[in-house]
PDB file of N, CA and C in Angstrom:
ATOM      1  N   MET A   1      -0.206  15.224   7.788  1.00  0.00           N
ATOM      2  CA  MET A   1      -1.077  14.859   6.681  1.00  0.00           C
ATOM      3  C   MET A   1      -2.413  15.587   6.830  1.00  0.00           C
ATOM      4  N   ALA A   2      -2.821  16.269   5.785  1.00  0.00           N
ATOM      5  CA  ALA A   2      -4.055  17.045   5.800  1.00  0.00           C
ATOM      6  C   ALA A   2      -5.277  16.126   5.760  1.00  0.00           C
ATOM      7  N   MET A   3      -6.404  16.682   6.184  1.00  0.00           N
ATOM      8  CA  MET A   3      -7.676  15.956   6.152  1.00  0.00           C
ATOM      9  C   MET A   3      -8.516  16.465   4.994  1.00  0.00           C
ATOM     10  N   SER A   4      -9.342  15.600   4.458  1.00  0.00           N
ATOM     11  CA  SER A   4     -10.270  16.023   3.415  1.00  0.00           C
ATOM     12  C   SER A   4     -11.565  16.519   4.055  1.00  0.00           C
ATOM     13  N   ALA A   5     -12.315  17.310   3.299  1.00  0.00           N
ATOM     14  CA  ALA A   5     -13.611  17.793   3.773  1.00  0.00           C
ATOM     15  C   ALA A   5     -14.535  16.624   4.082  1.00  0.00           C
ATOM     16  N   ALA A   6     -14.466  15.564   3.269  1.00  0.00           N
ATOM     17  CA  ALA A   6     -15.316  14.385   3.488  1.00  0.00           C
ATOM     18  C   ALA A   6     -14.987  13.705   4.809  1.00  0.00           C
ATOM     19  N   GLU A   7     -13.707  13.654   5.174  1.00  0.00           N
ATOM     20  CA  GLU A   7     -13.317  13.049   6.458  1.00  0.00           C
ATOM     21  C   GLU A   7     -13.855  13.858   7.624  1.00  0.00           C
ATOM     22  N   ILE A   8     -13.748  15.176   7.530  1.00  0.00           N
ATOM     23  CA  ILE A   8     -14.247  16.047   8.595  1.00  0.00           C
ATOM     24  C   ILE A   8     -15.752  15.862   8.743  1.00  0.00           C
ATOM     25  N   GLU A   9     -16.450  15.884   7.628  1.00  0.00           N
ATOM     26  CA  GLU A   9     -17.900  15.717   7.659  1.00  0.00           C
ATOM     27  C   GLU A   9     -18.288  14.363   8.248  1.00  0.00           C
ATOM     28  N   ALA A  10     -17.589  13.311   7.879  1.00  0.00           N
ATOM     29  CA  ALA A  10     -17.909  11.973   8.389  1.00  0.00           C
ATOM     30  C   ALA A  10     -17.720  11.892   9.900  1.00  0.00           C
ATOM     31  N   LEU A  11     -16.663  12.498  10.419  1.00  0.00           N
ATOM     32  CA  LEU A  11     -16.432  12.482  11.866  1.00  0.00           C
ATOM     33  C   LEU A  11     -17.528  13.239  12.607  1.00  0.00           C
ATOM     34  N   ILE A  12     -17.910  14.388  12.073  1.00  0.00           N
ATOM     35  CA  ILE A  12     -18.960  15.185  12.715  1.00  0.00           C
ATOM     36  C   ILE A  12     -20.294  14.434  12.667  1.00  0.00           C
ATOM     37  N   ARG A  13     -20.616  13.844  11.517  1.00  0.00           N
ATOM     38  CA  ARG A  13     -21.882  13.106  11.390  1.00  0.00           C
ATOM     39  C   ARG A  13     -21.909  11.853  12.272  1.00  0.00           C
ATOM     40  N   ALA A  14     -20.767  11.243  12.500  1.00  0.00           N
ATOM     41  CA  ALA A  14     -20.719  10.068  13.374  1.00  0.00           C
ATOM     42  C   ALA A  14     -21.092  10.448  14.804  1.00  0.00           C
ATOM     43  N   ALA A  15     -20.674  11.633  15.238  1.00  0.00           N
ATOM     44  CA  ALA A  15     -20.957  12.081  16.604  1.00  0.00           C
ATOM     45  C   ALA A  15     -22.310  12.769  16.715  1.00  0.00           C
ATOM     46  N   LEU A  16     -22.727  13.421  15.632  1.00  0.00           N
ATOM     47  CA  LEU A  16     -23.987  14.159  15.613  1.00  0.00           C
ATOM     48  C   LEU A  16     -24.778  13.716  14.383  1.00  0.00           C
ATOM     49  N   PRO A  17     -25.419  12.539  14.453  1.00  0.00           N
ATOM     50  CA  PRO A  17     -26.051  11.938  13.269  1.00  0.00           C
ATOM     51  C   PRO A  17     -27.108  12.794  12.576  1.00  0.00           C
ATOM     52  N   ASP A  18     -27.767  13.668  13.331  1.00  0.00           N
ATOM     53  CA  ASP A  18     -28.815  14.499  12.726  1.00  0.00           C
ATOM     54  C   ASP A  18     -28.262  15.775  12.091  1.00  0.00           C
ATOM     55  N   ALA A  19     -26.981  16.010  12.222  1.00  0.00           N
ATOM     56  CA  ALA A  19     -26.383  17.287  11.824  1.00  0.00           C
ATOM     57  C   ALA A  19     -26.452  17.528  10.322  1.00  0.00           C
ATOM     58  N   LYS A  20     -26.715  18.784   9.998  1.00  0.00           N
ATOM     59  CA  LYS A  20     -26.538  19.269   8.633  1.00  0.00           C
ATOM     60  C   LYS A  20     -25.161  19.921   8.633  1.00  0.00           C
ATOM     61  N   VAL A  21     -24.262  19.402   7.823  1.00  0.00           N
ATOM     62  CA  VAL A  21     -22.861  19.834   7.843  1.00  0.00           C
ATOM     63  C   VAL A  21     -22.469  20.370   6.474  1.00  0.00           C
ATOM     64  N   THR A  22     -21.884  21.558   6.475  1.00  0.00           N
ATOM     65  CA  THR A  22     -21.325  22.135   5.259  1.00  0.00           C
ATOM     66  C   THR A  22     -19.858  22.440   5.539  1.00  0.00           C
ATOM     67  N   ILE A  23     -18.973  21.937   4.689  1.00  0.00           N
ATOM     68  CA  ILE A  23     -17.540  22.141   4.860  1.00  0.00           C
ATOM     69  C   ILE A  23     -17.007  22.875   3.632  1.00  0.00           C
ATOM     70  N   GLU A  24     -16.185  23.896   3.872  1.00  0.00           N
ATOM     71  CA  GLU A  24     -15.550  24.638   2.784  1.00  0.00           C
ATOM     72  C   GLU A  24     -14.049  24.680   3.028  1.00  0.00           C
ATOM     73  N   ASP A  25     -13.270  24.301   2.033  1.00  0.00           N
ATOM     74  CA  ASP A  25     -11.810  24.399   2.092  1.00  0.00           C
ATOM     75  C   ASP A  25     -11.449  25.841   1.740  1.00  0.00           C
ATOM     76  N   LEU A  26     -11.017  26.605   2.719  1.00  0.00           N
ATOM     77  CA  LEU A  26     -10.842  28.040   2.543  1.00  0.00           C
ATOM     78  C   LEU A  26      -9.678  28.415   1.628  1.00  0.00           C
ATOM     79  N   ARG A  27      -8.618  27.599   1.633  1.00  0.00           N
ATOM     80  CA  ARG A  27      -7.434  27.946   0.845  1.00  0.00           C
ATOM     81  C   ARG A  27      -7.095  26.916  -0.223  1.00  0.00           C
ATOM     82  N   GLY A  28      -7.848  25.830  -0.245  1.00  0.00           N
ATOM     83  CA  GLY A  28      -7.550  24.781  -1.210  1.00  0.00           C
ATOM     84  C   GLY A  28      -6.348  23.946  -0.839  1.00  0.00           C
ATOM     85  N   ASP A  29      -5.915  24.061   0.417  1.00  0.00           N
ATOM     86  CA  ASP A  29      -4.714  23.342   0.857  1.00  0.00           C
ATOM     87  C   ASP A  29      -5.002  22.157   1.772  1.00  0.00           C
ATOM     88  N   GLY A  30      -6.281  21.903   2.083  1.00  0.00           N
ATOM     89  CA  GLY A  30      -6.623  20.792   2.962  1.00  0.00           C
ATOM     90  C   GLY A  30      -6.251  21.030   4.414  1.00  0.00           C
ATOM     91  N   ASP A  31      -5.881  22.246   4.757  1.00  0.00           N
ATOM     92  CA  ASP A  31      -5.494  22.577   6.130  1.00  0.00           C
ATOM     93  C   ASP A  31      -6.385  23.638   6.779  1.00  0.00           C
ATOM     94  N   HIS A  32      -7.076  24.424   5.985  1.00  0.00           N
ATOM     95  CA  HIS A  32      -7.870  25.535   6.495  1.00  0.00           C
ATOM     96  C   HIS A  32      -9.307  25.391   6.004  1.00  0.00           C
ATOM     97  N   TYR A  33     -10.188  25.060   6.925  1.00  0.00           N
ATOM     98  CA  TYR A  33     -11.582  24.810   6.578  1.00  0.00           C
ATOM     99  C   TYR A  33     -12.515  25.720   7.360  1.00  0.00           C
ATOM    100  N   ALA A  34     -13.708  25.892   6.806  1.00  0.00           N
ATOM    101  CA  ALA A  34     -14.827  26.505   7.519  1.00  0.00           C
ATOM    102  C   ALA A  34     -15.936  25.460   7.545  1.00  0.00           C
ATOM    103  N   ALA A  35     -16.591  25.328   8.678  1.00  0.00           N
ATOM    104  CA  ALA A  35     -17.674  24.359   8.816  1.00  0.00           C
ATOM    105  C   ALA A  35     -18.895  25.042   9.418  1.00  0.00           C
ATOM    106  N   THR A  36     -20.039  24.730   8.853  1.00  0.00           N
ATOM    107  CA  THR A  36     -21.310  25.134   9.427  1.00  0.00           C
ATOM    108  C   THR A  36     -22.007  23.844   9.844  1.00  0.00           C
ATOM    109  N   VAL A  37     -22.378  23.777  11.123  1.00  0.00           N
ATOM    110  CA  VAL A  37     -22.994  22.567  11.664  1.00  0.00           C
ATOM    111  C   VAL A  37     -24.290  22.953  12.368  1.00  0.00           C
ATOM    112  N   VAL A  38     -25.389  22.372  11.919  1.00  0.00           N
ATOM    113  CA  VAL A  38     -26.700  22.606  12.526  1.00  0.00           C
ATOM    114  C   VAL A  38     -27.184  21.270  13.073  1.00  0.00           C
ATOM    115  N   SER A  39     -27.458  21.231  14.391  1.00  0.00           N
ATOM    116  CA  SER A  39     -27.883  19.980  15.021  1.00  0.00           C
ATOM    117  C   SER A  39     -28.820  20.257  16.189  1.00  0.00           C
ATOM    118  N   ALA A  40     -29.829  19.420  16.334  1.00  0.00           N
ATOM    119  CA  ALA A  40     -30.743  19.535  17.475  1.00  0.00           C
ATOM    120  C   ALA A  40     -29.999  19.296  18.787  1.00  0.00           C
ATOM    121  N   ALA A  41     -28.885  18.601  18.738  1.00  0.00           N
ATOM    122  CA  ALA A  41     -28.093  18.352  19.950  1.00  0.00           C
ATOM    123  C   ALA A  41     -27.555  19.648  20.548  1.00  0.00           C
ATOM    124  N   PHE A  42     -27.552  20.724  19.772  1.00  0.00           N
ATOM    125  CA  PHE A  42     -27.043  22.016  20.247  1.00  0.00           C
ATOM    126  C   PHE A  42     -28.086  22.813  21.029  1.00  0.00           C
ATOM    127  N   LYS A  43     -29.349  22.370  21.016  1.00  0.00           N
ATOM    128  CA  LYS A  43     -30.402  23.106  21.723  1.00  0.00           C
ATOM    129  C   LYS A  43     -30.058  23.246  23.198  1.00  0.00           C
ATOM    130  N   GLY A  44     -30.158  24.466  23.708  1.00  0.00           N
ATOM    131  CA  GLY A  44     -29.902  24.733  25.113  1.00  0.00           C
ATOM    132  C   GLY A  44     -28.424  24.822  25.467  1.00  0.00           C
ATOM    133  N   LYS A  45     -27.550  24.677  24.495  1.00  0.00           N
ATOM    134  CA  LYS A  45     -26.104  24.736  24.732  1.00  0.00           C
ATOM    135  C   LYS A  45     -25.585  26.117  24.354  1.00  0.00           C
ATOM    136  N   THR A  46     -24.548  26.562  25.053  1.00  0.00           N
ATOM    137  CA  THR A  46     -23.894  27.811  24.674  1.00  0.00           C
ATOM    138  C   THR A  46     -23.082  27.569  23.403  1.00  0.00           C
ATOM    139  N   ARG A  47     -22.687  28.648  22.757  1.00  0.00           N
ATOM    140  CA  ARG A  47     -21.866  28.532  21.548  1.00  0.00           C
ATOM    141  C   ARG A  47     -20.564  27.777  21.854  1.00  0.00           C
ATOM    142  N   VAL A  48     -19.970  28.060  23.010  1.00  0.00           N
ATOM    143  CA  VAL A  48     -18.739  27.370  23.394  1.00  0.00           C
ATOM    144  C   VAL A  48     -18.993  25.868  23.548  1.00  0.00           C
ATOM    145  N   GLN A  49     -20.081  25.493  24.185  1.00  0.00           N
ATOM    146  CA  GLN A  49     -20.417  24.076  24.336  1.00  0.00           C
ATOM    147  C   GLN A  49     -20.657  23.415  22.982  1.00  0.00           C
ATOM    148  N   GLN A  50     -21.319  24.133  22.080  1.00  0.00           N
ATOM    149  CA  GLN A  50     -21.554  23.601  20.740  1.00  0.00           C
ATOM    150  C   GLN A  50     -20.230  23.333  20.034  1.00  0.00           C
ATOM    151  N   HIS A  51     -19.317  24.287  20.111  1.00  0.00           N
ATOM    152  CA  HIS A  51     -18.003  24.127  19.471  1.00  0.00           C
ATOM    153  C   HIS A  51     -17.226  22.985  20.116  1.00  0.00           C
ATOM    154  N   GLN A  52     -17.316  22.865  21.422  1.00  0.00           N
ATOM    155  CA  GLN A  52     -16.641  21.755  22.108  1.00  0.00           C
ATOM    156  C   GLN A  52     -17.165  20.411  21.621  1.00  0.00           C
ATOM    157  N   MET A  53     -18.452  20.331  21.355  1.00  0.00           N
ATOM    158  CA  MET A  53     -19.037  19.083  20.850  1.00  0.00           C
ATOM    159  C   MET A  53     -18.463  18.732  19.471  1.00  0.00           C
ATOM    160  N   VAL A  54     -18.305  19.755  18.624  1.00  0.00           N
ATOM    161  CA  VAL A  54     -17.732  19.509  17.297  1.00  0.00           C
ATOM    162  C   VAL A  54     -16.261  19.111  17.425  1.00  0.00           C
ATOM    163  N   TYR A  55     -15.505  19.820  18.266  1.00  0.00           N
ATOM    164  CA  TYR A  55     -14.091  19.473  18.455  1.00  0.00           C
ATOM    165  C   TYR A  55     -13.946  18.053  18.993  1.00  0.00           C
ATOM    166  N   ALA A  56     -14.829  17.657  19.900  1.00  0.00           N
ATOM    167  CA  ALA A  56     -14.790  16.286  20.428  1.00  0.00           C
ATOM    168  C   ALA A  56     -15.043  15.275  19.310  1.00  0.00           C
ATOM    169  N   ALA A  57     -15.938  15.624  18.383  1.00  0.00           N
ATOM    170  CA  ALA A  57     -16.239  14.737  17.263  1.00  0.00           C
ATOM    171  C   ALA A  57     -15.018  14.524  16.368  1.00  0.00           C
ATOM    172  N   LEU A  58     -14.127  15.502  16.349  1.00  0.00           N
ATOM    173  CA  LEU A  58     -12.928  15.417  15.508  1.00  0.00           C
ATOM    174  C   LEU A  58     -11.829  14.566  16.142  1.00  0.00           C
ATOM    175  N   GLN A  59     -12.079  14.051  17.329  1.00  0.00           N
ATOM    176  CA  GLN A  59     -11.231  13.047  17.980  1.00  0.00           C
ATOM    177  C   GLN A  59      -9.754  13.441  18.047  1.00  0.00           C
ATOM    178  N   GLY A  60      -9.488  14.662  18.488  1.00  0.00           N
ATOM    179  CA  GLY A  60      -8.107  15.085  18.713  1.00  0.00           C
ATOM    180  C   GLY A  60      -7.330  15.469  17.466  1.00  0.00           C
ATOM    181  N   ARG A  61      -7.994  15.579  16.340  1.00  0.00           N
ATOM    182  CA  ARG A  61      -7.275  15.913  15.097  1.00  0.00           C
ATOM    183  C   ARG A  61      -7.002  17.409  14.935  1.00  0.00           C
ATOM    184  N   MET A  62      -7.699  18.251  15.711  1.00  0.00           N
ATOM    185  CA  MET A  62      -7.433  19.696  15.639  1.00  0.00           C
ATOM    186  C   MET A  62      -6.005  19.969  16.074  1.00  0.00           C
ATOM    187  N   GLY A  63      -5.319  20.798  15.297  1.00  0.00           N
ATOM    188  CA  GLY A  63      -3.937  21.136  15.615  1.00  0.00           C
ATOM    189  C   GLY A  63      -2.940  20.128  15.083  1.00  0.00           C
ATOM    190  N   GLY A  64      -3.435  19.011  14.570  1.00  0.00           N
ATOM    191  CA  GLY A  64      -2.567  17.996  13.983  1.00  0.00           C
ATOM    192  C   GLY A  64      -2.908  17.843  12.518  1.00  0.00           C
ATOM    193  N   ALA A  65      -3.703  16.827  12.220  1.00  0.00           N
ATOM    194  CA  ALA A  65      -4.125  16.581  10.836  1.00  0.00           C
ATOM    195  C   ALA A  65      -4.990  17.726  10.315  1.00  0.00           C
ATOM    196  N   LEU A  66      -5.668  18.407  11.213  1.00  0.00           N
ATOM    197  CA  LEU A  66      -6.525  19.537  10.845  1.00  0.00           C
ATOM    198  C   LEU A  66      -5.961  20.790  11.498  1.00  0.00           C
ATOM    199  N   HIS A  67      -5.402  21.667  10.676  1.00  0.00           N
ATOM    200  CA  HIS A  67      -4.714  22.855  11.203  1.00  0.00           C
ATOM    201  C   HIS A  67      -5.673  23.933  11.691  1.00  0.00           C
ATOM    202  N   ALA A  68      -6.687  24.262  10.882  1.00  0.00           N
ATOM    203  CA  ALA A  68      -7.582  25.361  11.240  1.00  0.00           C
ATOM    204  C   ALA A  68      -9.010  25.054  10.800  1.00  0.00           C
ATOM    205  N   LEU A  69      -9.951  25.341  11.704  1.00  0.00           N
ATOM    206  CA  LEU A  69     -11.360  25.132  11.401  1.00  0.00           C
ATOM    207  C   LEU A  69     -12.162  26.301  11.967  1.00  0.00           C
ATOM    208  N   ALA A  70     -12.740  27.096  11.078  1.00  0.00           N
ATOM    209  CA  ALA A  70     -13.638  28.175  11.484  1.00  0.00           C
ATOM    210  C   ALA A  70     -15.026  27.565  11.610  1.00  0.00           C
ATOM    211  N   LEU A  71     -15.624  27.670  12.791  1.00  0.00           N
ATOM    212  CA  LEU A  71     -16.889  27.000  13.065  1.00  0.00           C
ATOM    213  C   LEU A  71     -18.053  27.984  13.190  1.00  0.00           C
ATOM    214  N   GLN A  72     -19.171  27.602  12.608  1.00  0.00           N
ATOM    215  CA  GLN A  72     -20.451  28.234  12.876  1.00  0.00           C
ATOM    216  C   GLN A  72     -21.383  27.099  13.261  1.00  0.00           C
ATOM    217  N   THR A  73     -21.971  27.193  14.450  1.00  0.00           N
ATOM    218  CA  THR A  73     -22.864  26.149  14.940  1.00  0.00           C
ATOM    219  C   THR A  73     -24.180  26.753  15.385  1.00  0.00           C
ATOM    220  N   SER A  74     -25.247  25.953  15.303  1.00  0.00           N
ATOM    221  CA  SER A  74     -26.552  26.400  15.797  1.00  0.00           C
ATOM    222  C   SER A  74     -27.498  25.217  15.829  1.00  0.00           C
ATOM    223  N   PRO A  75     -28.530  25.325  16.677  1.00  0.00           N
ATOM    224  CA  PRO A  75     -29.617  24.349  16.610  1.00  0.00           C
ATOM    225  C   PRO A  75     -30.487  24.714  15.406  1.00  0.00           C
ATOM    226  N   PRO A  76     -31.320  23.781  14.942  1.00  0.00           N
ATOM    227  CA  PRO A  76     -32.211  24.104  13.811  1.00  0.00           C
ATOM    228  C   PRO A  76     -33.167  25.235  14.186  1.00  0.00           C
ATOM    229  N   GLN A  77     -33.498  26.055  13.201  1.00  0.00           N
ATOM    230  CA  GLN A  77     -34.474  27.127  13.417  1.00  0.00           C
ATOM    231  C   GLN A  77     -35.873  26.530  13.307  1.00  0.00           C
ATOM    232  N   ASP A  78     -36.708  26.814  14.275  1.00  0.00           N
ATOM    233  CA  ASP A  78     -38.077  26.277  14.264  1.00  0.00           C
ATOM    234  C   ASP A  78     -38.967  27.016  13.328  1.00  0.00           C
TER     235      ASP A  78
END
């Protein structure tokens, strides 16, 4: 069962409450999304650590309910 963009955004916001999240359904199939996540929690973290934080927020749904997610992450620009 595919996930909606709203579900993905809600999971990310639950784990990273300050995050600015933009979700785009790349194919219109509910399986392939792109997400841009900006959060102060990413400060001082490597890109890999930032992505791991987002994947953790998705609570194991990657590869199951969520087939593909292209991620762009960053801390806020000062």
